[in-house]
């Protein structure tokens, strides 16, 4: 998954404003106590980050 696809999925699922806030503010234990932005900067693949977000926010399987 490319970063642009990840960003599109986040915006589609949460809306642009909430997606932006979630990626910079929510700290995920599953990502090593990092935000989404920190995880991506640390080299964690976007696909893995997306899966974590989906699990934590209980995104339906059909939209994962």
PDB file of N, CA and C in Angstrom:
ATOM      1  N   UNK A   1       0.839  -1.169   0.000  1.00  0.00           N
ATOM      2  CA  UNK A   1       0.000   0.000   0.000  1.00  0.00           C
ATOM      3  C   UNK A   1       0.892   1.242   0.000  1.00  0.00           C
ATOM      4  N   UNK A   2       0.556   2.161  -0.836  1.00  0.00           N
ATOM      5  CA  UNK A   2       1.293   3.421  -0.893  1.00  0.00           C
ATOM      6  C   UNK A   2       0.728   4.405   0.127  1.00  0.00           C
ATOM      7  N   UNK A   3       1.534   5.365   0.483  1.00  0.00           N
ATOM      8  CA  UNK A   3       1.122   6.357   1.459  1.00  0.00           C
ATOM      9  C   UNK A   3      -0.099   7.142   0.971  1.00  0.00           C
ATOM     10  N   UNK A   4      -0.143   7.436  -0.310  1.00  0.00           N
ATOM     11  CA  UNK A   4      -1.299   8.171  -0.840  1.00  0.00           C
ATOM     12  C   UNK A   4      -2.578   7.358  -0.701  1.00  0.00           C
ATOM     13  N   UNK A   5      -2.492   6.046  -0.920  1.00  0.00           N
ATOM     14  CA  UNK A   5      -3.664   5.191  -0.746  1.00  0.00           C
ATOM     15  C   UNK A   5      -4.082   5.162   0.725  1.00  0.00           C
ATOM     16  N   UNK A   6      -3.102   5.086   1.619  1.00  0.00           N
ATOM     17  CA  UNK A   6      -3.395   5.115   3.043  1.00  0.00           C
ATOM     18  C   UNK A   6      -4.142   6.394   3.400  1.00  0.00           C
ATOM     19  N   UNK A   7      -3.642   7.530   2.937  1.00  0.00           N
ATOM     20  CA  UNK A   7      -4.287   8.818   3.233  1.00  0.00           C
ATOM     21  C   UNK A   7      -5.714   8.854   2.683  1.00  0.00           C
ATOM     22  N   UNK A   8      -5.898   8.323   1.481  1.00  0.00           N
ATOM     23  CA  UNK A   8      -7.251   8.271   0.894  1.00  0.00           C
ATOM     24  C   UNK A   8      -8.186   7.423   1.750  1.00  0.00           C
ATOM     25  N   UNK A   9      -7.709   6.262   2.203  1.00  0.00           N
ATOM     26  CA  UNK A   9      -8.533   5.393   3.042  1.00  0.00           C
ATOM     27  C   UNK A   9      -8.900   6.083   4.353  1.00  0.00           C
ATOM     28  N   UNK A  10      -7.944   6.766   4.957  1.00  0.00           N
ATOM     29  CA  UNK A  10      -8.212   7.490   6.207  1.00  0.00           C
ATOM     30  C   UNK A  10      -9.268   8.565   5.983  1.00  0.00           C
ATOM     31  N   UNK A  11      -9.113   9.344   4.918  1.00  0.00           N
ATOM     32  CA  UNK A  11     -10.080  10.402   4.627  1.00  0.00           C
ATOM     33  C   UNK A  11     -11.458   9.851   4.319  1.00  0.00           C
ATOM     34  N   UNK A  12     -11.518   8.761   3.580  1.00  0.00           N
ATOM     35  CA  UNK A  12     -12.799   8.143   3.250  1.00  0.00           C
ATOM     36  C   UNK A  12     -13.496   7.599   4.490  1.00  0.00           C
ATOM     37  N   UNK A  13     -12.738   7.011   5.382  1.00  0.00           N
ATOM     38  CA  UNK A  13     -13.328   6.374   6.569  1.00  0.00           C
ATOM     39  C   UNK A  13     -13.702   7.386   7.651  1.00  0.00           C
ATOM     40  N   UNK A  14     -12.853   8.366   7.876  1.00  0.00           N
ATOM     41  CA  UNK A  14     -13.046   9.266   9.018  1.00  0.00           C
ATOM     42  C   UNK A  14     -13.383  10.701   8.638  1.00  0.00           C
ATOM     43  N   UNK A  15     -13.274  11.033   7.356  1.00  0.00           N
ATOM     44  CA  UNK A  15     -13.445  12.416   6.935  1.00  0.00           C
ATOM     45  C   UNK A  15     -12.110  13.139   7.092  1.00  0.00           C
ATOM     46  N   UNK A  16     -11.854  14.127   6.245  1.00  0.00           N
ATOM     47  CA  UNK A  16     -10.546  14.777   6.251  1.00  0.00           C
ATOM     48  C   UNK A  16     -10.142  15.393   7.592  1.00  0.00           C
ATOM     49  N   UNK A  17     -11.047  16.083   8.252  1.00  0.00           N
ATOM     50  CA  UNK A  17     -10.688  16.750   9.511  1.00  0.00           C
ATOM     51  C   UNK A  17     -10.378  15.739  10.613  1.00  0.00           C
ATOM     52  N   UNK A  18     -11.245  14.752  10.765  1.00  0.00           N
ATOM     53  CA  UNK A  18     -11.018  13.757  11.821  1.00  0.00           C
ATOM     54  C   UNK A  18      -9.797  12.896  11.502  1.00  0.00           C
ATOM     55  N   UNK A  19      -9.599  12.549  10.240  1.00  0.00           N
ATOM     56  CA  UNK A  19      -8.435  11.753   9.853  1.00  0.00           C
ATOM     57  C   UNK A  19      -7.150  12.502  10.194  1.00  0.00           C
ATOM     58  N   UNK A  20      -7.122  13.801   9.918  1.00  0.00           N
ATOM     59  CA  UNK A  20      -5.932  14.598  10.217  1.00  0.00           C
ATOM     60  C   UNK A  20      -5.675  14.639  11.717  1.00  0.00           C
ATOM     61  N   UNK A  21      -6.720  14.848  12.485  1.00  0.00           N
ATOM     62  CA  UNK A  21      -6.565  14.890  13.936  1.00  0.00           C
ATOM     63  C   UNK A  21      -6.129  13.537  14.481  1.00  0.00           C
ATOM     64  N   UNK A  22      -6.743  12.485  13.996  1.00  0.00           N
ATOM     65  CA  UNK A  22      -6.413  11.136  14.465  1.00  0.00           C
ATOM     66  C   UNK A  22      -4.958  10.793  14.157  1.00  0.00           C
ATOM     67  N   UNK A  23      -4.480  11.131  12.982  1.00  0.00           N
ATOM     68  CA  UNK A  23      -3.115  10.752  12.611  1.00  0.00           C
ATOM     69  C   UNK A  23      -2.054  11.509  13.395  1.00  0.00           C
ATOM     70  N   UNK A  24      -2.392  12.709  13.860  1.00  0.00           N
ATOM     71  CA  UNK A  24      -1.374  13.463  14.590  1.00  0.00           C
ATOM     72  C   UNK A  24      -1.541  13.402  16.102  1.00  0.00           C
ATOM     73  N   UNK A  25      -2.738  13.056  16.612  1.00  0.00           N
ATOM     74  CA  UNK A  25      -2.997  13.161  18.047  1.00  0.00           C
ATOM     75  C   UNK A  25      -3.149  11.840  18.795  1.00  0.00           C
ATOM     76  N   UNK A  26      -3.706  10.822  18.155  1.00  0.00           N
ATOM     77  CA  UNK A  26      -3.979   9.559  18.860  1.00  0.00           C
ATOM     78  C   UNK A  26      -2.702   8.715  18.933  1.00  0.00           C
ATOM     79  N   UNK A  27      -2.319   8.343  20.140  1.00  0.00           N
ATOM     80  CA  UNK A  27      -1.142   7.491  20.348  1.00  0.00           C
ATOM     81  C   UNK A  27      -1.618   6.048  20.441  1.00  0.00           C
ATOM     82  N   UNK A  28      -1.063   5.193  19.588  1.00  0.00           N
ATOM     83  CA  UNK A  28      -1.451   3.784  19.525  1.00  0.00           C
ATOM     84  C   UNK A  28      -0.392   2.921  20.203  1.00  0.00           C
ATOM     85  N   UNK A  29      -0.779   2.199  21.225  1.00  0.00           N
ATOM     86  CA  UNK A  29       0.134   1.254  21.877  1.00  0.00           C
ATOM     87  C   UNK A  29       0.628   0.226  20.875  1.00  0.00           C
ATOM     88  N   UNK A  30      -0.260  -0.169  19.954  1.00  0.00           N
ATOM     89  CA  UNK A  30       0.063  -1.182  18.950  1.00  0.00           C
ATOM     90  C   UNK A  30       1.123  -0.719  17.953  1.00  0.00           C
ATOM     91  N   UNK A  31       1.380   0.569  17.931  1.00  0.00           N
ATOM     92  CA  UNK A  31       2.414   1.129  17.047  1.00  0.00           C
ATOM     93  C   UNK A  31       3.622   1.592  17.851  1.00  0.00           C
ATOM     94  N   UNK A  32       3.812   0.982  19.002  1.00  0.00           N
ATOM     95  CA  UNK A  32       4.963   1.338  19.830  1.00  0.00           C
ATOM     96  C   UNK A  32       4.790   2.674  20.530  1.00  0.00           C
ATOM     97  N   UNK A  33       3.560   2.952  20.944  1.00  0.00           N
ATOM     98  CA  UNK A  33       3.248   4.234  21.601  1.00  0.00           C
ATOM     99  C   UNK A  33       3.588   5.422  20.712  1.00  0.00           C
ATOM    100  N   UNK A  34       3.182   5.293  19.459  1.00  0.00           N
ATOM    101  CA  UNK A  34       3.394   6.356  18.472  1.00  0.00           C
ATOM    102  C   UNK A  34       2.050   6.785  17.897  1.00  0.00           C
ATOM    103  N   UNK A  35       2.043   7.999  17.364  1.00  0.00           N
ATOM    104  CA  UNK A  35       0.912   8.430  16.549  1.00  0.00           C
ATOM    105  C   UNK A  35       1.067   7.796  15.170  1.00  0.00           C
ATOM    106  N   UNK A  36       0.054   7.926  14.353  1.00  0.00           N
ATOM    107  CA  UNK A  36       0.147   7.433  12.975  1.00  0.00           C
ATOM    108  C   UNK A  36       1.304   8.118  12.255  1.00  0.00           C
ATOM    109  N   UNK A  37       1.390   9.429  12.386  1.00  0.00           N
ATOM    110  CA  UNK A  37       2.457  10.165  11.702  1.00  0.00           C
ATOM    111  C   UNK A  37       3.835   9.708  12.179  1.00  0.00           C
ATOM    112  N   UNK A  38       3.998   9.524  13.475  1.00  0.00           N
ATOM    113  CA  UNK A  38       5.280   9.067  14.003  1.00  0.00           C
ATOM    114  C   UNK A  38       5.600   7.658  13.516  1.00  0.00           C
ATOM    115  N   UNK A  39       4.599   6.798  13.456  1.00  0.00           N
ATOM    116  CA  UNK A  39       4.810   5.428  12.993  1.00  0.00           C
ATOM    117  C   UNK A  39       5.256   5.411  11.537  1.00  0.00           C
ATOM    118  N   UNK A  40       4.604   6.205  10.712  1.00  0.00           N
ATOM    119  CA  UNK A  40       4.981   6.261   9.297  1.00  0.00           C
ATOM    120  C   UNK A  40       6.393   6.829   9.133  1.00  0.00           C
ATOM    121  N   UNK A  41       6.716   7.863   9.899  1.00  0.00           N
ATOM    122  CA  UNK A  41       8.060   8.448   9.839  1.00  0.00           C
ATOM    123  C   UNK A  41       9.116   7.459  10.325  1.00  0.00           C
ATOM    124  N   UNK A  42       8.734   6.570  11.242  1.00  0.00           N
ATOM    125  CA  UNK A  42       9.665   5.562  11.763  1.00  0.00           C
ATOM    126  C   UNK A  42       9.831   4.385  10.815  1.00  0.00           C
ATOM    127  N   UNK A  43       9.089   4.394   9.701  1.00  0.00           N
ATOM    128  CA  UNK A  43       9.247   3.345   8.701  1.00  0.00           C
ATOM    129  C   UNK A  43       8.273   2.194   8.810  1.00  0.00           C
ATOM    130  N   UNK A  44       7.287   2.305   9.672  1.00  0.00           N
ATOM    131  CA  UNK A  44       6.268   1.253   9.739  1.00  0.00           C
ATOM    132  C   UNK A  44       5.424   1.356   8.475  1.00  0.00           C
ATOM    133  N   UNK A  45       5.241   0.237   7.776  1.00  0.00           N
ATOM    134  CA  UNK A  45       4.519   0.278   6.504  1.00  0.00           C
ATOM    135  C   UNK A  45       3.083   0.791   6.656  1.00  0.00           C
ATOM    136  N   UNK A  46       2.617   1.596   5.701  1.00  0.00           N
ATOM    137  CA  UNK A  46       1.247   2.112   5.764  1.00  0.00           C
ATOM    138  C   UNK A  46       0.190   1.021   5.927  1.00  0.00           C
ATOM    139  N   UNK A  47       0.391  -0.132   5.297  1.00  0.00           N
ATOM    140  CA  UNK A  47      -0.585  -1.222   5.408  1.00  0.00           C
ATOM    141  C   UNK A  47      -0.726  -1.667   6.864  1.00  0.00           C
ATOM    142  N   UNK A  48       0.391  -1.795   7.568  1.00  0.00           N
ATOM    143  CA  UNK A  48       0.340  -2.206   8.971  1.00  0.00           C
ATOM    144  C   UNK A  48      -0.339  -1.131   9.819  1.00  0.00           C
ATOM    145  N   UNK A  49      -0.015   0.126   9.559  1.00  0.00           N
ATOM    146  CA  UNK A  49      -0.634   1.228  10.294  1.00  0.00           C
ATOM    147  C   UNK A  49      -2.142   1.220  10.053  1.00  0.00           C
ATOM    148  N   UNK A  50      -2.557   1.030   8.815  1.00  0.00           N
ATOM    149  CA  UNK A  50      -3.978   0.981   8.473  1.00  0.00           C
ATOM    150  C   UNK A  50      -4.670  -0.151   9.236  1.00  0.00           C
ATOM    151  N   UNK A  51      -4.059  -1.312   9.278  1.00  0.00           N
ATOM    152  CA  UNK A  51      -4.657  -2.442  10.001  1.00  0.00           C
ATOM    153  C   UNK A  51      -4.837  -2.121  11.478  1.00  0.00           C
ATOM    154  N   UNK A  52      -3.857  -1.481  12.078  1.00  0.00           N
ATOM    155  CA  UNK A  52      -3.964  -1.104  13.493  1.00  0.00           C
ATOM    156  C   UNK A  52      -5.109  -0.117  13.684  1.00  0.00           C
ATOM    157  N   UNK A  53      -5.180   0.903  12.849  1.00  0.00           N
ATOM    158  CA  UNK A  53      -6.259   1.883  12.952  1.00  0.00           C
ATOM    159  C   UNK A  53      -7.611   1.186  12.820  1.00  0.00           C
ATOM    160  N   UNK A  54      -7.716   0.277  11.874  1.00  0.00           N
ATOM    161  CA  UNK A  54      -8.973  -0.450  11.662  1.00  0.00           C
ATOM    162  C   UNK A  54      -9.357  -1.274  12.880  1.00  0.00           C
ATOM    163  N   UNK A  55      -8.405  -1.933  13.478  1.00  0.00           N
ATOM    164  CA  UNK A  55      -8.689  -2.744  14.658  1.00  0.00           C
ATOM    165  C   UNK A  55      -9.119  -1.877  15.833  1.00  0.00           C
ATOM    166  N   UNK A  56      -8.382  -0.820  16.102  1.00  0.00           N
ATOM    167  CA  UNK A  56      -8.668   0.039  17.253  1.00  0.00           C
ATOM    168  C   UNK A  56     -10.022   0.746  17.087  1.00  0.00           C
ATOM    169  N   UNK A  57     -10.301   1.211  15.890  1.00  0.00           N
ATOM    170  CA  UNK A  57     -11.542   1.943  15.641  1.00  0.00           C
ATOM    171  C   UNK A  57     -12.665   1.056  15.109  1.00  0.00           C
ATOM    172  N   UNK A  58     -12.455  -0.242  15.121  1.00  0.00           N
ATOM    173  CA  UNK A  58     -13.454  -1.224  14.732  1.00  0.00           C
ATOM    174  C   UNK A  58     -14.098  -0.914  13.369  1.00  0.00           C
ATOM    175  N   UNK A  59     -13.230  -0.647  12.402  1.00  0.00           N
ATOM    176  CA  UNK A  59     -13.685  -0.438  11.028  1.00  0.00           C
ATOM    177  C   UNK A  59     -14.183  -1.778  10.512  1.00  0.00           C
ATOM    178  N   UNK A  60     -15.391  -1.818   9.950  1.00  0.00           N
ATOM    179  CA  UNK A  60     -15.931  -3.082   9.428  1.00  0.00           C
ATOM    180  C   UNK A  60     -14.980  -3.717   8.404  1.00  0.00           C
ATOM    181  N   UNK A  61     -14.939  -5.014   8.432  1.00  0.00           N
ATOM    182  CA  UNK A  61     -14.030  -5.775   7.563  1.00  0.00           C
ATOM    183  C   UNK A  61     -14.227  -5.396   6.097  1.00  0.00           C
ATOM    184  N   UNK A  62     -15.426  -5.146   5.688  1.00  0.00           N
ATOM    185  CA  UNK A  62     -15.711  -4.804   4.278  1.00  0.00           C
ATOM    186  C   UNK A  62     -15.015  -3.521   3.843  1.00  0.00           C
ATOM    187  N   UNK A  63     -14.680  -2.644   4.796  1.00  0.00           N
ATOM    188  CA  UNK A  63     -14.029  -1.375   4.444  1.00  0.00           C
ATOM    189  C   UNK A  63     -12.549  -1.377   4.759  1.00  0.00           C
ATOM    190  N   UNK A  64     -12.010  -2.502   5.167  1.00  0.00           N
ATOM    191  CA  UNK A  64     -10.585  -2.576   5.475  1.00  0.00           C
ATOM    192  C   UNK A  64      -9.821  -2.841   4.211  1.00  0.00           C
TER     193      UNK A  64
END
